N, C-alpha and C. Protein backbone atom coordinates (compact mmCIF):
# COMPACT_ATOMS: atom_id res chain seq x y z
N MET A 1 -10.65 11.21 6.49
CA MET A 1 -11.07 10.54 7.72
C MET A 1 -9.89 9.76 8.29
N PHE A 2 -9.92 9.65 9.62
CA PHE A 2 -8.87 8.95 10.35
C PHE A 2 -9.54 8.01 11.36
N THR A 3 -8.72 7.23 12.06
CA THR A 3 -9.26 6.31 13.06
C THR A 3 -8.90 6.70 14.48
N GLY A 4 -7.93 7.60 14.65
CA GLY A 4 -7.46 7.96 15.97
C GLY A 4 -6.45 6.98 16.52
N LEU A 5 -5.94 6.08 15.66
CA LEU A 5 -4.85 5.18 16.06
C LEU A 5 -3.54 5.77 15.56
N VAL A 6 -2.79 6.35 16.46
CA VAL A 6 -1.54 7.03 16.10
C VAL A 6 -0.55 6.03 15.54
N GLU A 7 0.03 6.37 14.38
CA GLU A 7 0.98 5.47 13.74
C GLU A 7 2.40 5.68 14.24
N GLU A 8 2.74 6.92 14.55
CA GLU A 8 4.07 7.19 15.10
C GLU A 8 4.12 8.59 15.69
N LYS A 9 5.12 8.77 16.57
CA LYS A 9 5.41 10.11 17.07
C LYS A 9 6.41 10.73 16.12
N GLY A 10 6.07 11.90 15.60
CA GLY A 10 6.99 12.63 14.74
C GLY A 10 7.67 13.73 15.52
N ILE A 11 8.68 14.32 14.91
CA ILE A 11 9.43 15.41 15.52
C ILE A 11 9.33 16.64 14.62
N VAL A 12 9.00 17.79 15.20
CA VAL A 12 8.96 19.03 14.43
C VAL A 12 10.41 19.44 14.15
N GLU A 13 10.78 19.44 12.87
CA GLU A 13 12.14 19.79 12.47
C GLU A 13 12.31 21.31 12.34
N SER A 14 11.27 21.98 11.85
CA SER A 14 11.36 23.43 11.72
C SER A 14 9.96 24.02 11.61
N ILE A 15 9.88 25.28 12.00
CA ILE A 15 8.65 26.06 11.87
C ILE A 15 9.03 27.38 11.23
N SER A 16 8.40 27.67 10.11
CA SER A 16 8.68 28.90 9.39
C SER A 16 7.42 29.76 9.38
N ILE A 17 7.46 30.89 10.08
CA ILE A 17 6.30 31.78 10.17
C ILE A 17 6.20 32.58 8.87
N GLN A 18 5.00 32.58 8.30
CA GLN A 18 4.72 33.30 7.05
C GLN A 18 3.55 34.25 7.32
N GLY A 19 3.81 35.41 7.90
CA GLY A 19 2.73 36.32 8.28
C GLY A 19 1.94 35.72 9.42
N SER A 20 0.64 35.45 9.21
CA SER A 20 -0.20 34.87 10.27
C SER A 20 -0.30 33.35 10.15
N SER A 21 0.41 32.76 9.20
CA SER A 21 0.40 31.30 9.03
C SER A 21 1.80 30.76 9.27
N ALA A 22 1.94 29.45 9.17
CA ALA A 22 3.24 28.82 9.41
C ALA A 22 3.40 27.59 8.54
N ASP A 23 4.63 27.33 8.14
CA ASP A 23 5.00 26.07 7.48
C ASP A 23 5.63 25.19 8.55
N LEU A 24 5.11 23.98 8.70
CA LEU A 24 5.63 23.03 9.68
C LEU A 24 6.32 21.89 8.96
N MET A 25 7.59 21.67 9.26
CA MET A 25 8.30 20.50 8.72
C MET A 25 8.39 19.47 9.82
N VAL A 26 7.85 18.28 9.56
CA VAL A 26 7.78 17.22 10.56
C VAL A 26 8.48 15.98 10.04
N ARG A 27 9.37 15.43 10.88
CA ARG A 27 10.04 14.17 10.53
C ARG A 27 9.20 13.01 11.03
N GLY A 28 8.84 12.12 10.09
CA GLY A 28 8.05 10.94 10.42
C GLY A 28 8.34 9.86 9.42
N PRO A 29 9.34 9.01 9.67
CA PRO A 29 9.75 8.00 8.68
C PRO A 29 8.63 7.07 8.23
N LEU A 30 7.73 6.69 9.13
CA LEU A 30 6.65 5.77 8.76
C LEU A 30 5.60 6.46 7.89
N VAL A 31 5.09 7.60 8.34
CA VAL A 31 4.01 8.25 7.58
C VAL A 31 4.52 8.90 6.29
N SER A 32 5.81 9.21 6.22
CA SER A 32 6.35 9.81 4.99
C SER A 32 6.62 8.76 3.91
N ASP A 33 6.74 7.49 4.33
CA ASP A 33 6.98 6.42 3.36
C ASP A 33 5.77 6.28 2.43
N GLY A 34 5.95 6.58 1.19
CA GLY A 34 4.87 6.48 0.22
C GLY A 34 3.97 7.70 0.18
N ALA A 35 4.29 8.73 0.96
CA ALA A 35 3.46 9.93 0.97
C ALA A 35 3.56 10.66 -0.37
N ALA A 36 2.47 11.34 -0.73
CA ALA A 36 2.43 12.12 -1.97
C ALA A 36 1.93 13.52 -1.65
N LEU A 37 2.30 14.47 -2.50
CA LEU A 37 1.81 15.83 -2.34
C LEU A 37 0.29 15.81 -2.35
N GLY A 38 -0.32 16.56 -1.43
CA GLY A 38 -1.77 16.61 -1.34
C GLY A 38 -2.37 15.61 -0.37
N ASP A 39 -1.56 14.67 0.13
CA ASP A 39 -2.08 13.70 1.10
C ASP A 39 -2.50 14.40 2.39
N SER A 40 -3.48 13.83 3.07
CA SER A 40 -3.93 14.33 4.37
C SER A 40 -3.27 13.52 5.47
N ILE A 41 -2.67 14.22 6.41
CA ILE A 41 -2.04 13.60 7.58
C ILE A 41 -2.58 14.31 8.81
N ALA A 42 -2.94 13.55 9.84
CA ALA A 42 -3.38 14.16 11.10
C ALA A 42 -2.15 14.40 11.97
N ILE A 43 -1.98 15.65 12.38
CA ILE A 43 -0.91 16.04 13.30
C ILE A 43 -1.58 16.47 14.59
N ASN A 44 -1.38 15.69 15.65
CA ASN A 44 -2.09 15.91 16.92
C ASN A 44 -3.59 16.01 16.68
N GLY A 45 -4.08 15.22 15.72
CA GLY A 45 -5.51 15.17 15.44
C GLY A 45 -6.02 16.24 14.50
N CYS A 46 -5.13 17.08 14.00
CA CYS A 46 -5.52 18.16 13.09
C CYS A 46 -5.13 17.77 11.67
N CYS A 47 -6.11 17.67 10.79
CA CYS A 47 -5.87 17.25 9.41
C CYS A 47 -5.17 18.37 8.64
N LEU A 48 -3.97 18.07 8.14
CA LEU A 48 -3.22 19.02 7.32
C LEU A 48 -2.80 18.34 6.03
N THR A 49 -2.48 19.16 5.02
CA THR A 49 -2.13 18.66 3.69
C THR A 49 -0.63 18.71 3.48
N VAL A 50 -0.08 17.63 2.93
CA VAL A 50 1.35 17.59 2.59
C VAL A 50 1.60 18.53 1.41
N VAL A 51 2.51 19.51 1.61
CA VAL A 51 2.82 20.45 0.53
C VAL A 51 4.25 20.29 0.02
N GLU A 52 5.06 19.54 0.77
CA GLU A 52 6.45 19.30 0.33
C GLU A 52 6.96 18.03 0.99
N ILE A 53 7.77 17.28 0.26
CA ILE A 53 8.34 16.03 0.78
C ILE A 53 9.85 16.08 0.61
N ASN A 54 10.57 15.80 1.70
CA ASN A 54 12.03 15.77 1.65
C ASN A 54 12.48 14.55 2.46
N GLU A 55 12.61 13.41 1.78
CA GLU A 55 12.94 12.13 2.40
C GLU A 55 11.93 11.81 3.50
N SER A 56 12.37 11.74 4.76
CA SER A 56 11.44 11.37 5.83
C SER A 56 10.79 12.58 6.49
N CYS A 57 10.92 13.75 5.86
CA CYS A 57 10.29 14.96 6.39
C CYS A 57 9.17 15.42 5.47
N LEU A 58 8.06 15.80 6.08
CA LEU A 58 6.91 16.32 5.34
C LEU A 58 6.65 17.74 5.81
N THR A 59 6.29 18.61 4.87
CA THR A 59 5.98 19.99 5.21
C THR A 59 4.48 20.24 5.02
N PHE A 60 3.91 20.96 5.98
CA PHE A 60 2.49 21.30 5.99
C PHE A 60 2.34 22.80 6.20
N GLN A 61 1.24 23.35 5.73
CA GLN A 61 0.94 24.75 5.98
C GLN A 61 -0.24 24.83 6.94
N ALA A 62 -0.08 25.64 7.98
CA ALA A 62 -1.15 25.84 8.96
C ALA A 62 -1.53 27.30 8.96
N GLY A 63 -2.81 27.58 8.73
CA GLY A 63 -3.29 28.95 8.69
C GLY A 63 -3.52 29.53 10.07
N GLU A 64 -3.85 30.82 10.08
CA GLU A 64 -4.06 31.54 11.34
C GLU A 64 -5.13 30.87 12.21
N GLU A 65 -6.24 30.48 11.62
CA GLU A 65 -7.34 29.85 12.36
C GLU A 65 -6.88 28.55 13.01
N THR A 66 -6.13 27.74 12.26
CA THR A 66 -5.62 26.47 12.79
C THR A 66 -4.66 26.71 13.94
N LEU A 67 -3.79 27.69 13.80
CA LEU A 67 -2.80 27.96 14.85
C LEU A 67 -3.46 28.49 16.12
N LYS A 68 -4.56 29.22 15.99
CA LYS A 68 -5.25 29.78 17.16
C LYS A 68 -6.16 28.76 17.83
N ARG A 69 -6.80 27.89 17.05
CA ARG A 69 -7.82 27.00 17.60
C ARG A 69 -7.30 25.61 18.00
N THR A 70 -6.02 25.34 17.72
CA THR A 70 -5.42 24.05 18.06
C THR A 70 -4.11 24.28 18.81
N ASN A 71 -3.52 23.20 19.29
CA ASN A 71 -2.23 23.35 19.97
C ASN A 71 -1.05 23.37 18.99
N LEU A 72 -1.34 23.38 17.69
CA LEU A 72 -0.23 23.47 16.72
C LEU A 72 0.49 24.81 16.86
N GLY A 73 -0.21 25.83 17.34
CA GLY A 73 0.43 27.13 17.56
C GLY A 73 1.41 27.12 18.72
N ASP A 74 1.36 26.08 19.57
CA ASP A 74 2.28 25.95 20.70
C ASP A 74 3.57 25.21 20.33
N LEU A 75 3.61 24.62 19.13
CA LEU A 75 4.76 23.79 18.76
C LEU A 75 6.03 24.62 18.58
N VAL A 76 7.15 24.00 18.92
CA VAL A 76 8.47 24.58 18.69
C VAL A 76 9.33 23.50 18.04
N THR A 77 10.46 23.89 17.51
CA THR A 77 11.39 22.91 16.94
C THR A 77 11.75 21.88 18.02
N GLY A 78 11.62 20.62 17.67
CA GLY A 78 11.90 19.53 18.61
C GLY A 78 10.66 18.97 19.28
N SER A 79 9.51 19.63 19.14
CA SER A 79 8.27 19.11 19.73
C SER A 79 7.91 17.76 19.13
N GLU A 80 7.37 16.87 19.96
CA GLU A 80 6.83 15.60 19.47
C GLU A 80 5.37 15.79 19.10
N VAL A 81 4.95 15.14 18.03
CA VAL A 81 3.55 15.21 17.60
C VAL A 81 3.07 13.82 17.23
N ASN A 82 1.77 13.60 17.39
CA ASN A 82 1.16 12.33 16.98
C ASN A 82 0.82 12.40 15.50
N LEU A 83 1.17 11.36 14.75
CA LEU A 83 0.95 11.33 13.31
C LEU A 83 0.09 10.13 12.92
N GLU A 84 -0.84 10.38 11.99
CA GLU A 84 -1.65 9.30 11.43
C GLU A 84 -2.01 9.65 9.99
N ARG A 85 -1.81 8.67 9.10
CA ARG A 85 -2.24 8.85 7.71
C ARG A 85 -3.74 8.64 7.63
N SER A 86 -4.34 9.19 6.57
CA SER A 86 -5.80 9.07 6.42
C SER A 86 -6.19 7.61 6.18
N LEU A 87 -7.41 7.31 6.57
CA LEU A 87 -7.98 5.97 6.45
C LEU A 87 -8.18 5.60 4.99
N GLN A 88 -7.80 4.40 4.63
CA GLN A 88 -8.04 3.90 3.28
C GLN A 88 -9.24 2.95 3.31
N VAL A 89 -10.03 2.99 2.26
CA VAL A 89 -11.18 2.09 2.17
C VAL A 89 -10.69 0.65 2.27
N GLY A 90 -11.35 -0.14 3.11
CA GLY A 90 -10.97 -1.54 3.28
C GLY A 90 -10.02 -1.77 4.44
N GLN A 91 -9.48 -0.69 5.04
CA GLN A 91 -8.58 -0.82 6.18
C GLN A 91 -9.37 -1.24 7.41
N ARG A 92 -8.70 -1.88 8.35
CA ARG A 92 -9.34 -2.21 9.62
C ARG A 92 -9.63 -0.94 10.39
N MET A 93 -10.74 -0.94 11.08
CA MET A 93 -11.19 0.23 11.82
C MET A 93 -11.03 -0.04 13.31
N GLY A 94 -9.86 0.26 13.85
CA GLY A 94 -9.59 -0.06 15.25
C GLY A 94 -10.02 1.00 16.23
N GLY A 95 -10.10 2.26 15.80
CA GLY A 95 -10.50 3.34 16.71
C GLY A 95 -11.94 3.72 16.47
N HIS A 96 -12.17 4.96 16.06
CA HIS A 96 -13.50 5.42 15.67
C HIS A 96 -13.32 6.44 14.56
N TYR A 97 -14.41 6.84 13.91
CA TYR A 97 -14.30 7.82 12.83
C TYR A 97 -13.88 9.17 13.38
N VAL A 98 -12.74 9.64 12.89
CA VAL A 98 -12.17 10.92 13.31
C VAL A 98 -12.02 11.78 12.06
N SER A 99 -12.58 12.99 12.09
CA SER A 99 -12.53 13.84 10.90
C SER A 99 -11.23 14.61 10.76
N GLY A 100 -10.54 14.83 11.86
CA GLY A 100 -9.34 15.67 11.80
C GLY A 100 -9.67 17.15 11.91
N HIS A 101 -10.92 17.46 12.25
CA HIS A 101 -11.37 18.84 12.44
C HIS A 101 -11.51 19.07 13.94
N VAL A 102 -10.53 19.72 14.52
CA VAL A 102 -10.48 19.93 15.97
C VAL A 102 -11.62 20.84 16.41
N ASP A 103 -12.36 20.42 17.45
CA ASP A 103 -13.49 21.21 17.96
C ASP A 103 -13.05 22.29 18.93
N GLY A 104 -11.94 22.09 19.59
CA GLY A 104 -11.47 23.09 20.54
C GLY A 104 -10.28 22.58 21.34
N LEU A 105 -9.75 23.48 22.14
CA LEU A 105 -8.63 23.14 23.00
C LEU A 105 -9.12 22.67 24.36
N GLY A 106 -8.46 21.67 24.89
CA GLY A 106 -8.69 21.23 26.25
C GLY A 106 -7.42 21.48 27.04
N LEU A 107 -7.52 21.32 28.33
CA LEU A 107 -6.40 21.54 29.23
C LEU A 107 -6.23 20.31 30.10
N VAL A 108 -5.01 19.80 30.21
CA VAL A 108 -4.77 18.68 31.13
C VAL A 108 -5.03 19.21 32.53
N ASP A 109 -6.05 18.67 33.20
CA ASP A 109 -6.50 19.20 34.49
C ASP A 109 -5.95 18.41 35.68
N GLU A 110 -5.79 17.10 35.48
CA GLU A 110 -5.35 16.24 36.57
C GLU A 110 -4.82 14.94 35.99
N ILE A 111 -3.75 14.43 36.59
CA ILE A 111 -3.18 13.14 36.18
C ILE A 111 -3.10 12.26 37.42
N CYS A 112 -3.78 11.11 37.38
CA CYS A 112 -3.78 10.18 38.50
C CYS A 112 -3.05 8.91 38.08
N GLN A 113 -1.85 8.70 38.59
CA GLN A 113 -1.07 7.51 38.26
C GLN A 113 -1.60 6.30 39.02
N ASP A 114 -1.63 5.17 38.36
CA ASP A 114 -2.05 3.92 38.98
C ASP A 114 -1.10 2.84 38.46
N GLY A 115 0.08 2.77 39.05
CA GLY A 115 1.12 1.87 38.54
C GLY A 115 1.57 2.36 37.17
N GLU A 116 1.53 1.46 36.18
CA GLU A 116 1.91 1.84 34.82
C GLU A 116 0.77 2.51 34.07
N TRP A 117 -0.44 2.41 34.61
CA TRP A 117 -1.62 3.03 34.01
C TRP A 117 -1.74 4.47 34.50
N ALA A 118 -2.64 5.22 33.87
CA ALA A 118 -2.92 6.58 34.34
C ALA A 118 -4.33 6.98 33.95
N LYS A 119 -4.94 7.78 34.81
CA LYS A 119 -6.24 8.37 34.50
C LYS A 119 -5.99 9.86 34.32
N TYR A 120 -6.34 10.36 33.13
CA TYR A 120 -6.15 11.78 32.82
C TYR A 120 -7.51 12.47 32.81
N TRP A 121 -7.56 13.66 33.42
CA TRP A 121 -8.74 14.52 33.38
C TRP A 121 -8.41 15.73 32.50
N PHE A 122 -9.36 16.10 31.64
CA PHE A 122 -9.19 17.24 30.75
C PHE A 122 -10.33 18.24 30.99
N LYS A 123 -9.97 19.49 31.13
CA LYS A 123 -10.96 20.57 31.28
C LYS A 123 -11.27 21.12 29.90
N ILE A 124 -12.57 21.22 29.59
CA ILE A 124 -13.01 21.69 28.28
C ILE A 124 -14.28 22.53 28.44
N PRO A 125 -14.65 23.31 27.41
CA PRO A 125 -15.90 24.07 27.47
C PRO A 125 -17.11 23.13 27.58
N ALA A 126 -18.15 23.60 28.29
CA ALA A 126 -19.36 22.80 28.51
C ALA A 126 -20.04 22.41 27.20
N GLU A 127 -19.92 23.24 26.16
CA GLU A 127 -20.58 22.88 24.89
C GLU A 127 -19.99 21.61 24.28
N LEU A 128 -18.76 21.28 24.63
CA LEU A 128 -18.16 20.04 24.13
C LEU A 128 -18.57 18.83 24.96
N THR A 129 -18.70 19.01 26.27
CA THR A 129 -19.10 17.86 27.09
C THR A 129 -20.53 17.44 26.79
N ARG A 130 -21.34 18.34 26.24
CA ARG A 130 -22.71 17.97 25.86
C ARG A 130 -22.71 16.95 24.71
N GLN A 131 -21.57 16.80 24.04
CA GLN A 131 -21.46 15.83 22.95
C GLN A 131 -20.72 14.57 23.42
N MET A 132 -20.68 14.35 24.72
CA MET A 132 -19.94 13.21 25.28
C MET A 132 -20.83 12.37 26.18
N ALA A 133 -20.51 11.08 26.25
CA ALA A 133 -21.18 10.17 27.17
C ALA A 133 -20.17 9.14 27.65
N SER A 134 -20.30 8.74 28.90
CA SER A 134 -19.41 7.72 29.45
C SER A 134 -19.44 6.47 28.56
N LYS A 135 -18.29 5.94 28.27
CA LYS A 135 -18.06 4.79 27.40
C LYS A 135 -18.16 5.15 25.91
N GLY A 136 -18.36 6.42 25.62
CA GLY A 136 -18.34 6.89 24.23
C GLY A 136 -16.90 7.17 23.81
N SER A 137 -16.75 7.75 22.63
CA SER A 137 -15.42 8.01 22.09
C SER A 137 -15.10 9.50 22.07
N VAL A 138 -13.83 9.80 22.23
CA VAL A 138 -13.31 11.17 22.12
C VAL A 138 -11.92 11.07 21.50
N THR A 139 -11.51 12.13 20.84
CA THR A 139 -10.16 12.18 20.29
C THR A 139 -9.38 13.27 21.01
N VAL A 140 -8.25 12.91 21.61
CA VAL A 140 -7.38 13.85 22.30
C VAL A 140 -6.03 13.83 21.60
N ASP A 141 -5.63 14.96 21.03
CA ASP A 141 -4.38 15.05 20.27
C ASP A 141 -4.27 13.95 19.22
N GLY A 142 -5.42 13.63 18.61
CA GLY A 142 -5.43 12.65 17.54
C GLY A 142 -5.53 11.21 17.99
N ILE A 143 -5.71 10.98 19.29
CA ILE A 143 -5.74 9.64 19.85
C ILE A 143 -7.19 9.26 20.18
N SER A 144 -7.67 8.17 19.60
CA SER A 144 -9.01 7.68 19.89
C SER A 144 -9.02 7.07 21.29
N LEU A 145 -9.88 7.62 22.16
CA LEU A 145 -9.95 7.17 23.54
C LEU A 145 -11.39 6.94 23.96
N THR A 146 -11.56 6.11 24.98
CA THR A 146 -12.88 5.85 25.55
C THR A 146 -13.08 6.73 26.77
N LEU A 147 -14.21 7.43 26.77
CA LEU A 147 -14.54 8.29 27.91
C LEU A 147 -14.87 7.45 29.14
N VAL A 148 -14.36 7.86 30.29
CA VAL A 148 -14.68 7.19 31.55
C VAL A 148 -15.73 8.02 32.28
N ASP A 149 -15.34 9.20 32.75
CA ASP A 149 -16.25 10.09 33.46
C ASP A 149 -16.49 11.34 32.61
N VAL A 150 -17.71 11.84 32.63
CA VAL A 150 -18.03 13.09 31.94
C VAL A 150 -18.74 14.00 32.93
N GLU A 151 -18.14 15.14 33.20
CA GLU A 151 -18.72 16.15 34.07
C GLU A 151 -19.09 17.36 33.23
N GLU A 152 -19.58 18.42 33.87
CA GLU A 152 -20.07 19.57 33.11
C GLU A 152 -18.97 20.23 32.27
N GLU A 153 -17.77 20.35 32.83
CA GLU A 153 -16.70 21.02 32.09
C GLU A 153 -15.39 20.24 32.10
N ARG A 154 -15.49 18.93 32.28
CA ARG A 154 -14.28 18.11 32.17
C ARG A 154 -14.67 16.65 31.99
N PHE A 155 -13.67 15.87 31.55
CA PHE A 155 -13.89 14.44 31.35
C PHE A 155 -12.60 13.71 31.65
N SER A 156 -12.71 12.39 31.83
CA SER A 156 -11.53 11.58 32.10
C SER A 156 -11.44 10.41 31.12
N VAL A 157 -10.21 9.94 30.96
CA VAL A 157 -9.93 8.74 30.17
C VAL A 157 -8.89 7.92 30.93
N ALA A 158 -8.93 6.61 30.74
CA ALA A 158 -7.93 5.71 31.34
C ALA A 158 -6.93 5.35 30.25
N LEU A 159 -5.66 5.51 30.55
CA LEU A 159 -4.61 5.27 29.55
C LEU A 159 -3.77 4.06 29.93
N ILE A 160 -3.67 3.13 28.98
CA ILE A 160 -2.84 1.94 29.19
C ILE A 160 -1.38 2.30 28.94
N PRO A 161 -0.44 1.50 29.45
CA PRO A 161 0.98 1.80 29.27
C PRO A 161 1.37 1.98 27.80
N HIS A 162 0.79 1.19 26.89
CA HIS A 162 1.13 1.30 25.47
C HIS A 162 0.82 2.70 24.93
N THR A 163 -0.37 3.21 25.24
CA THR A 163 -0.75 4.55 24.78
C THR A 163 0.18 5.61 25.35
N LEU A 164 0.53 5.48 26.63
CA LEU A 164 1.43 6.45 27.26
C LEU A 164 2.81 6.42 26.62
N GLU A 165 3.22 5.26 26.12
CA GLU A 165 4.55 5.13 25.53
C GLU A 165 4.60 5.58 24.07
N VAL A 166 3.61 5.22 23.27
CA VAL A 166 3.72 5.45 21.82
C VAL A 166 3.05 6.73 21.34
N THR A 167 2.44 7.50 22.26
CA THR A 167 1.85 8.78 21.89
C THR A 167 2.44 9.88 22.76
N THR A 168 2.08 11.11 22.45
CA THR A 168 2.60 12.25 23.22
C THR A 168 1.93 12.40 24.58
N LEU A 169 0.83 11.69 24.84
CA LEU A 169 0.14 11.86 26.12
C LEU A 169 1.02 11.48 27.31
N GLY A 170 1.93 10.54 27.13
CA GLY A 170 2.81 10.14 28.22
C GLY A 170 3.73 11.25 28.69
N ARG A 171 3.90 12.29 27.88
CA ARG A 171 4.76 13.42 28.25
C ARG A 171 3.97 14.67 28.64
N ARG A 172 2.65 14.58 28.56
CA ARG A 172 1.83 15.73 28.92
C ARG A 172 1.85 15.95 30.42
N THR A 173 1.76 17.22 30.82
CA THR A 173 1.71 17.57 32.23
C THR A 173 0.48 18.46 32.47
N VAL A 174 0.10 18.61 33.73
CA VAL A 174 -1.04 19.44 34.08
C VAL A 174 -0.80 20.85 33.53
N GLY A 175 -1.83 21.38 32.87
CA GLY A 175 -1.74 22.72 32.29
C GLY A 175 -1.46 22.73 30.80
N ASP A 176 -1.06 21.58 30.23
CA ASP A 176 -0.78 21.51 28.79
C ASP A 176 -2.08 21.59 27.98
N ASN A 177 -2.00 22.24 26.82
CA ASN A 177 -3.12 22.29 25.88
C ASN A 177 -3.16 21.02 25.04
N VAL A 178 -4.37 20.51 24.80
CA VAL A 178 -4.56 19.35 23.93
C VAL A 178 -5.70 19.65 22.96
N ASN A 179 -5.63 19.03 21.78
CA ASN A 179 -6.69 19.17 20.79
C ASN A 179 -7.80 18.17 21.09
N ILE A 180 -9.04 18.65 21.06
CA ILE A 180 -10.20 17.81 21.34
C ILE A 180 -11.09 17.76 20.12
N GLU A 181 -11.46 16.54 19.72
CA GLU A 181 -12.50 16.35 18.71
C GLU A 181 -13.53 15.39 19.30
N THR A 182 -14.76 15.86 19.40
CA THR A 182 -15.82 15.00 19.91
C THR A 182 -16.25 14.02 18.82
N ASP A 183 -17.04 13.04 19.23
CA ASP A 183 -17.49 12.00 18.30
C ASP A 183 -18.39 12.60 17.22
N LEU A 184 -18.12 12.24 15.98
CA LEU A 184 -18.86 12.76 14.83
C LEU A 184 -20.36 12.50 14.94
N LEU A 185 -20.72 11.30 15.35
CA LEU A 185 -22.14 10.95 15.50
C LEU A 185 -22.82 11.83 16.54
N ALA A 186 -22.12 12.12 17.64
CA ALA A 186 -22.70 12.95 18.70
C ALA A 186 -23.03 14.35 18.19
N LYS A 187 -22.21 14.87 17.29
CA LYS A 187 -22.47 16.20 16.73
C LYS A 187 -23.78 16.22 15.94
N TYR A 188 -24.00 15.19 15.13
CA TYR A 188 -25.22 15.13 14.33
C TYR A 188 -26.45 14.92 15.20
N VAL A 189 -26.32 14.08 16.23
CA VAL A 189 -27.45 13.85 17.14
C VAL A 189 -27.81 15.16 17.84
N GLN A 190 -26.80 15.87 18.35
CA GLN A 190 -27.06 17.13 19.03
C GLN A 190 -27.75 18.14 18.10
N GLN A 191 -27.27 18.22 16.88
CA GLN A 191 -27.85 19.17 15.93
C GLN A 191 -29.32 18.84 15.66
N GLN A 192 -29.63 17.57 15.48
CA GLN A 192 -31.02 17.17 15.21
C GLN A 192 -31.92 17.46 16.41
N LEU A 193 -31.42 17.21 17.62
CA LEU A 193 -32.21 17.46 18.82
C LEU A 193 -32.46 18.96 19.00
N GLU A 194 -31.47 19.78 18.67
CA GLU A 194 -31.63 21.23 18.83
C GLU A 194 -32.59 21.80 17.81
N ARG A 195 -32.78 21.14 16.68
CA ARG A 195 -33.69 21.62 15.64
C ARG A 195 -35.15 21.33 15.97
N LYS A 196 -35.40 20.39 16.90
CA LYS A 196 -36.78 20.03 17.24
C LYS A 196 -37.40 21.05 18.16
C-alpha cells in the first residue's frame, strides 16, 4: 500500500527488453536509501518489486501486461518517473490508500493555467468515472489528488505549484498518457451495488 505522496522524481537509467517484458533501472537516491531486494516501490503509481540494487539505482521487472496497461511501456532512457516507497505501519497518512494497481490509462485532455496553479483535465473510460465523485480521491501517475469536476468520460484536478514542481505532472502535455487508479473504497462500493 502507498499514500500517493511522491517522495522524489527518479530518472530511468536504462531499459532492457527481455522478450515481452522489460527490466527498468531507475535512479532514485532517496527511495534507494535503505532499500532491500523484494521491496515494493510505486513507479508512476505502479507497484513494482526491487530485483537488483546498485548504489542509488534500483532495477525492477515489468511484465507484458504491466507494459501494455500502464504508461511504463512509454518510458525511455532519461524519462522522469514519480517514486514512492510502500507505506509503513504507524506512518502518517497524508494522501489516501493507494494499492499501486493501475486501473487504466488516461490521457491529458486539457491544461488550464491560472498563474502558478493549473487545472488539468484527463480523459478516461466511463467505467472509471463511475468510481469517482467530486471532492473524492484519485491517483494520477502515483500522485494522490482531489477530484474537482467529474464528467462521463473525463475529470479535472487542481494542481498547486508544489505538485507541479516535485512530480512529473508539471512536465505533462496534452496527449500524454497517465496511469489512473481510482479510490479503493469506491471500487468496493460499486461492486456491492452491482451485486444487488
